[in-house]
Amino acid sequence: MTFKVFVDGQEGTTGLRLLDYLADRTDIELLRIAEDKRKDPAERARFLNAADVAFLCLPDVASREAVALVDNPDTCIIDASTAFRTSDDWVYGLPELIKGQRERLRASKRIAVPGCHASAFVLLVRPLIDAGLLPPDYPLSAFSLTGYSGGGKKMIAEYEAGGNDRLTSPRAYALSLNHKHLPEMRAHGGLADAPVFTPVVGNFLKGLSVTVPLHLSHLASDASAEAIHAAYRDHYADERFVRVMPLSDDTNLDGGFFDVQGCNDTNRVDLFVFAGEGRVVLSARLDNLGKGAAGAAVQCMNIHLGGDEAQGLASGL
């Protein structure tokens, strides 16, 4: 069976990556809008309603406008913006979130793809909340290190132009503490409050890691590095795209250093528990253009259409 797929916003970073994923799929018929019609509402509506699956790779306002153009009840919309990630009538596109999430993705015609930082954060935090190891009101903090492709075409062009010394070192941003991923990090992480979150962009194209430090004395009485690690193993035991790495200090890393790009060009997430005296550091890494964006969107499409969840995606295992 062949499914008709339309990418609205196909010239952006995520849209272009999606087209790469879909280009060789024999089960997909890509609907291509003419270049001079990309912003024509009537033409966009025609393509959106002709599709079995419509990916929206647009800013929030444009995504809402696109959704309003769809009146075909059979069109499944998979939106990559932040517009609908905490909406009750949209399903959060993280299949590994909780038991039954895949069934929700299969049944829904409205799927919101998670943000890249949020994906890594939620995959670290939610299993510990559900296992009773981490109190929902724990005052969490987190930081993220990400490649510059997460900033879109303008930032990519800025970095790749070269000649700007201020771009050679890592740069923290969103220091007003209102990063756009915070609402979904709180809601889908199962938290009472959003974390204090500091993202940092580095001088490399792609790759992302989110790190969450914890004091064990402030967790549940039975919380330990071993218990946290076991909770991850149990929660992700049958997941094809989540790899729980061995419980460790930093001795099994490459020279003691963490490789933020270790999942690049895959749809995989690696989870780490680093143990110290009375403390742990939790880290998740992924490709921000893969599992953090376009790869996650394709994974959601595969599930919704009832096919092989991994079709067209690399686990890198």
Protein backbone atom coordinates (compact mmCIF):
# COMPACT_ATOMS: atom_id res chain seq x y z
CA MET A 1 0.00 0.00 0.00
CA THR A 2 1.24 3.49 -0.85
CA PHE A 3 0.56 6.48 1.40
CA LYS A 4 0.44 10.09 0.23
CA VAL A 5 2.69 12.35 2.32
CA PHE A 6 3.03 16.13 2.20
CA VAL A 7 5.70 18.19 3.97
CA ASP A 8 4.53 21.76 4.62
CA GLY A 9 7.64 23.80 5.29
CA GLN A 10 9.90 21.57 3.24
CA GLU A 11 12.61 24.24 2.84
CA GLY A 12 13.45 24.45 6.56
CA THR A 13 16.04 22.38 8.41
CA THR A 14 13.58 19.79 9.69
CA GLY A 15 11.64 19.70 6.42
CA LEU A 16 14.75 19.05 4.37
CA ARG A 17 15.84 16.29 6.75
CA LEU A 18 12.38 14.73 6.53
CA LEU A 19 12.60 14.66 2.75
CA ASP A 20 15.93 12.85 3.07
CA TYR A 21 14.31 10.20 5.27
CA LEU A 22 11.38 9.75 2.89
CA ALA A 23 13.15 9.96 -0.46
CA ASP A 24 13.81 6.23 -0.88
CA ARG A 25 10.59 4.93 0.68
CA THR A 26 8.68 2.78 -1.81
CA ASP A 27 5.56 2.92 0.35
CA ILE A 28 5.44 6.74 0.23
CA GLU A 29 4.20 9.04 -2.52
CA LEU A 30 5.63 12.48 -1.79
CA LEU A 31 3.30 15.30 -2.76
CA ARG A 32 5.37 18.26 -4.00
CA ILE A 33 3.97 21.76 -4.02
CA ALA A 34 5.32 24.18 -6.64
CA GLU A 35 7.94 26.57 -5.30
CA ASP A 36 5.88 29.66 -6.14
CA LYS A 37 2.82 28.19 -4.39
CA ARG A 38 4.43 27.28 -1.06
CA LYS A 39 2.70 30.20 0.72
CA ASP A 40 -0.55 30.11 -1.22
CA PRO A 41 -3.28 29.12 1.30
CA ALA A 42 -5.57 27.53 -1.29
CA GLU A 43 -2.79 25.43 -2.80
CA ARG A 44 -1.48 24.43 0.63
CA ALA A 45 -5.00 23.42 1.66
CA ARG A 46 -5.31 21.27 -1.45
CA PHE A 47 -2.10 19.40 -0.68
CA LEU A 48 -2.81 19.10 3.05
CA ASN A 49 -6.23 17.56 2.45
CA ALA A 50 -4.95 15.20 -0.25
CA ALA A 51 -2.38 13.67 2.12
CA ASP A 52 -2.70 10.63 4.32
CA VAL A 53 0.03 12.20 6.47
CA ALA A 54 0.93 15.89 6.49
CA PHE A 55 4.10 16.98 8.27
CA LEU A 56 4.16 20.59 9.45
CA CYS A 57 7.69 21.99 9.71
CA LEU A 58 6.65 25.56 10.40
CA PRO A 59 6.72 28.27 13.06
CA ASP A 60 3.94 28.03 15.64
CA VAL A 61 1.64 30.61 14.06
CA ALA A 62 1.98 29.05 10.60
CA SER A 63 1.32 25.58 12.05
CA ARG A 64 -1.94 26.76 13.59
CA GLU A 65 -2.91 28.31 10.26
CA ALA A 66 -2.12 25.05 8.45
CA VAL A 67 -4.21 22.98 10.86
CA ALA A 68 -7.15 25.31 10.25
CA LEU A 69 -6.88 24.52 6.50
CA VAL A 70 -7.44 20.79 7.03
CA ASP A 71 -11.00 19.51 6.78
CA ASN A 72 -10.26 15.97 5.62
CA PRO A 73 -10.89 13.75 8.68
CA ASP A 74 -8.54 11.13 7.30
CA THR A 75 -5.49 13.40 7.13
CA CYS A 76 -3.07 12.76 9.98
CA ILE A 77 -1.14 15.89 10.93
CA ILE A 78 2.30 15.46 12.48
CA ASP A 79 3.42 18.86 13.70
CA ALA A 80 7.04 19.69 14.53
CA SER A 81 6.41 23.11 16.10
CA THR A 82 5.79 23.88 19.78
CA ALA A 83 2.18 24.89 19.09
CA PHE A 84 0.38 21.73 20.24
CA ARG A 85 2.78 19.79 22.46
CA THR A 86 0.77 20.28 25.64
CA SER A 87 -2.69 20.35 24.01
CA ASP A 88 -5.13 17.77 25.37
CA ASP A 89 -6.47 16.89 21.90
CA TRP A 90 -3.01 16.16 20.47
CA VAL A 91 -0.88 13.09 21.23
CA TYR A 92 2.71 13.71 22.27
CA GLY A 93 4.95 12.02 19.72
CA LEU A 94 7.26 10.18 22.09
CA PRO A 95 6.42 6.47 21.70
CA GLU A 96 8.66 5.52 24.63
CA LEU A 97 6.89 7.88 27.07
CA ILE A 98 4.50 5.53 28.86
CA LYS A 99 2.71 2.25 28.31
CA GLY A 100 -0.01 2.67 25.70
CA GLN A 101 1.57 5.65 23.96
CA ARG A 102 1.94 3.77 20.69
CA GLU A 103 -1.75 2.87 20.71
CA ARG A 104 -2.56 6.57 21.14
CA LEU A 105 -0.30 7.44 18.20
CA ARG A 106 -1.98 4.84 16.00
CA ALA A 107 -5.45 6.14 16.84
CA SER A 108 -4.83 9.89 16.65
CA LYS A 109 -4.93 12.19 13.63
CA ARG A 110 -3.13 14.93 15.56
CA ILE A 111 0.46 14.20 16.68
CA ALA A 112 2.87 16.76 18.17
CA VAL A 113 6.56 15.91 17.71
CA PRO A 114 8.58 16.65 20.88
CA GLY A 115 11.31 19.26 21.03
CA CYS A 116 14.90 18.01 20.93
CA HIS A 117 15.85 19.18 24.44
CA ALA A 118 12.50 18.02 25.79
CA SER A 119 12.85 14.53 24.29
CA ALA A 120 16.13 13.93 26.10
CA PHE A 121 14.89 15.48 29.35
CA VAL A 122 11.58 13.61 29.45
CA LEU A 123 13.24 10.28 28.63
CA LEU A 124 15.51 10.81 31.65
CA VAL A 125 12.92 12.07 34.12
CA ARG A 126 9.57 10.40 33.44
CA PRO A 127 10.59 6.80 34.30
CA LEU A 128 11.90 7.97 37.68
CA ILE A 129 8.68 9.83 38.44
CA ASP A 130 6.58 6.81 37.48
CA ALA A 131 8.81 4.48 39.53
CA GLY A 132 8.39 6.67 42.62
CA LEU A 133 12.12 7.40 42.84
CA LEU A 134 11.91 11.08 41.97
CA PRO A 135 9.29 13.26 43.69
CA PRO A 136 7.25 15.33 41.19
CA ASP A 137 8.01 18.48 43.21
CA TYR A 138 11.79 17.97 43.21
CA PRO A 139 13.42 21.29 42.19
CA LEU A 140 15.14 20.00 39.08
CA SER A 141 17.81 21.74 37.08
CA ALA A 142 19.18 20.69 33.70
CA PHE A 143 21.54 21.89 31.06
CA SER A 144 21.82 20.95 27.41
CA LEU A 145 24.71 21.03 24.97
CA THR A 146 23.61 21.10 21.34
CA GLY A 147 24.94 21.59 17.85
CA TYR A 148 24.13 24.74 15.94
CA SER A 149 21.73 23.06 13.51
CA GLY A 150 19.11 23.32 16.25
CA GLY A 151 18.99 27.04 15.56
CA GLY A 152 17.75 26.57 12.00
CA LYS A 153 18.97 27.80 8.66
CA LYS A 154 20.00 31.27 9.84
CA MET A 155 22.21 29.95 12.63
CA ILE A 156 23.67 27.24 10.39
CA ALA A 157 24.63 29.87 7.83
CA GLU A 158 26.14 32.06 10.55
CA TYR A 159 28.37 29.28 11.86
CA GLU A 160 29.35 27.89 8.49
CA ALA A 161 30.30 31.30 7.12
CA GLY A 162 33.27 31.32 9.50
CA GLY A 163 35.35 34.33 10.41
CA ASN A 164 33.52 35.08 13.67
CA ASP A 165 35.68 34.34 16.71
CA ARG A 166 32.78 34.60 19.16
CA LEU A 167 31.27 31.45 17.62
CA THR A 168 34.28 29.28 18.40
CA SER A 169 33.37 28.76 22.06
CA PRO A 170 30.13 27.36 23.55
CA ARG A 171 27.35 29.91 24.09
CA ALA A 172 24.62 29.67 26.72
CA TYR A 173 21.25 31.10 25.72
CA ALA A 174 17.60 31.37 26.89
CA LEU A 175 18.94 32.94 30.09
CA SER A 176 15.60 34.60 30.73
CA LEU A 177 14.66 31.04 31.78
CA ASN A 178 11.63 30.83 29.52
CA HIS A 179 12.86 28.38 26.87
CA LYS A 180 10.04 27.27 24.59
CA HIS A 181 10.46 23.58 25.53
CA LEU A 182 9.78 24.14 29.25
CA PRO A 183 5.98 23.58 29.15
CA GLU A 184 6.34 20.12 27.59
CA MET A 185 9.29 19.26 29.85
CA ARG A 186 7.08 19.92 32.86
CA ALA A 187 3.87 18.38 31.52
CA HIS A 188 5.27 15.19 29.97
CA GLY A 189 8.01 14.83 32.54
CA GLY A 190 5.26 14.54 35.17
CA LEU A 191 6.61 17.46 37.20
CA ALA A 192 4.91 20.00 39.42
CA ASP A 193 7.20 22.75 38.13
CA ALA A 194 9.40 23.28 35.11
CA PRO A 195 13.13 22.76 35.66
CA VAL A 196 15.71 25.52 35.75
CA PHE A 197 17.05 24.86 32.28
CA THR A 198 20.17 26.23 30.58
CA PRO A 199 20.87 25.27 26.96
CA VAL A 200 24.30 25.80 25.42
CA VAL A 201 25.08 25.82 21.69
CA GLY A 202 28.49 24.65 20.50
CA ASN A 203 30.53 24.96 17.34
CA PHE A 204 29.46 21.64 15.80
CA LEU A 205 26.60 20.84 13.44
CA LYS A 206 24.51 18.31 15.32
CA GLY A 207 24.36 16.17 18.42
CA LEU A 208 22.70 16.99 21.73
CA SER A 209 22.91 15.93 25.35
CA VAL A 210 20.77 16.92 28.30
CA THR A 211 22.21 16.48 31.79
CA VAL A 212 20.26 16.38 35.06
CA PRO A 213 22.13 16.36 38.42
CA LEU A 214 20.47 14.86 41.50
CA HIS A 215 21.24 14.66 45.22
CA LEU A 216 20.18 11.19 46.35
CA SER A 217 19.37 12.39 49.87
CA HIS A 218 16.51 14.49 48.45
CA LEU A 219 14.93 11.61 46.55
CA ALA A 220 12.79 8.69 47.74
CA SER A 221 14.28 6.68 50.60
CA ASP A 222 15.02 3.72 48.33
CA ALA A 223 16.61 5.82 45.58
CA SER A 224 20.16 4.97 44.62
CA ALA A 225 22.24 5.02 41.48
CA GLU A 226 21.52 1.30 41.10
CA ALA A 227 17.76 1.80 41.54
CA ILE A 228 17.70 4.62 38.99
CA HIS A 229 19.64 2.54 36.51
CA ALA A 230 17.31 -0.43 37.07
CA ALA A 231 14.28 1.82 36.50
CA TYR A 232 15.69 2.80 33.11
CA ARG A 233 16.42 -0.82 32.20
CA ASP A 234 12.88 -1.86 33.12
CA HIS A 235 11.15 1.06 31.39
CA TYR A 236 13.12 0.77 28.15
CA ALA A 237 13.69 -2.98 28.09
CA ASP A 238 11.94 -3.55 24.75
CA GLU A 239 12.70 -0.24 23.06
CA ARG A 240 14.51 -0.33 19.74
CA PHE A 241 15.76 3.24 19.87
CA VAL A 242 16.71 3.67 23.53
CA ARG A 243 19.96 2.25 24.84
CA VAL A 244 20.64 2.25 28.58
CA MET A 245 24.39 2.42 29.03
CA PRO A 246 26.21 0.62 31.89
CA LEU A 247 26.07 2.25 35.32
CA SER A 248 29.38 4.03 35.68
CA ASP A 249 31.59 6.84 36.78
CA ASP A 250 33.51 8.37 33.88
CA THR A 251 36.09 5.58 33.54
CA ASN A 252 34.39 3.87 30.57
CA LEU A 253 34.27 7.06 28.53
CA ASP A 254 36.78 8.00 25.87
CA GLY A 255 39.61 9.37 28.00
CA GLY A 256 37.08 10.42 30.60
CA PHE A 257 35.20 12.68 28.18
CA PHE A 258 31.56 12.43 27.10
CA ASP A 259 30.89 12.40 23.34
CA VAL A 260 27.82 14.53 22.71
CA GLN A 261 27.81 13.44 19.06
CA GLY A 262 27.75 9.71 19.83
CA CYS A 263 24.22 9.19 18.43
CA ASN A 264 24.59 11.29 15.30
CA ASP A 265 23.01 9.94 12.11
CA THR A 266 20.80 7.57 14.10
CA ASN A 267 17.36 7.67 15.70
CA ARG A 268 18.86 6.33 18.92
CA VAL A 269 18.94 7.81 22.41
CA ASP A 270 21.66 6.77 24.86
CA LEU A 271 20.93 7.12 28.59
CA PHE A 272 23.71 7.35 31.18
CA VAL A 273 23.76 7.21 34.98
CA PHE A 274 27.03 8.51 36.43
CA ALA A 275 27.37 7.75 40.13
CA GLY A 276 29.26 9.69 42.80
CA GLU A 277 29.17 9.87 46.58
CA GLY A 278 25.53 10.64 47.40
CA ARG A 279 24.96 12.15 43.95
CA VAL A 280 24.17 11.08 40.42
CA VAL A 281 24.34 12.79 37.06
CA LEU A 282 21.86 11.61 34.43
CA SER A 283 22.59 12.26 30.75
CA ALA A 284 20.74 11.55 27.54
CA ARG A 285 22.21 12.09 24.10
CA LEU A 286 20.62 12.06 20.67
CA ASP A 287 20.88 13.55 17.21
CA ASN A 288 18.90 16.77 17.41
CA LEU A 289 17.98 16.42 13.71
CA GLY A 290 17.16 12.71 14.14
CA LYS A 291 15.36 11.52 17.26
CA GLY A 292 15.19 15.18 18.27
CA ALA A 293 13.20 16.23 15.18
CA ALA A 294 12.78 14.56 11.77
CA GLY A 295 13.58 11.02 12.92
CA ALA A 296 10.99 11.25 15.67
CA ALA A 297 8.42 12.50 13.15
CA VAL A 298 9.07 9.54 10.84
CA GLN A 299 8.91 7.13 13.77
CA CYS A 300 5.48 8.55 14.69
CA MET A 301 4.31 8.23 11.08
CA ASN A 302 5.45 4.61 10.91
CA ILE A 303 3.52 3.80 14.08
CA HIS A 304 0.41 5.65 12.98
CA LEU A 305 0.35 3.88 9.61
CA GLY A 306 0.75 0.49 11.27
CA GLY A 307 4.02 -0.46 9.62
CA ASP A 308 7.47 -1.27 10.89
CA GLU A 309 8.29 1.42 13.46
CA ALA A 310 11.94 1.44 12.41
CA GLN A 311 11.39 1.67 8.65
CA GLY A 312 13.78 4.21 7.15
CA LEU A 313 15.45 4.89 10.50
CA ALA A 314 18.90 3.86 11.74
CA SER A 315 19.27 2.57 15.29
CA GLY A 316 23.04 2.70 15.08
CA LEU A 317 23.34 -0.39 17.27
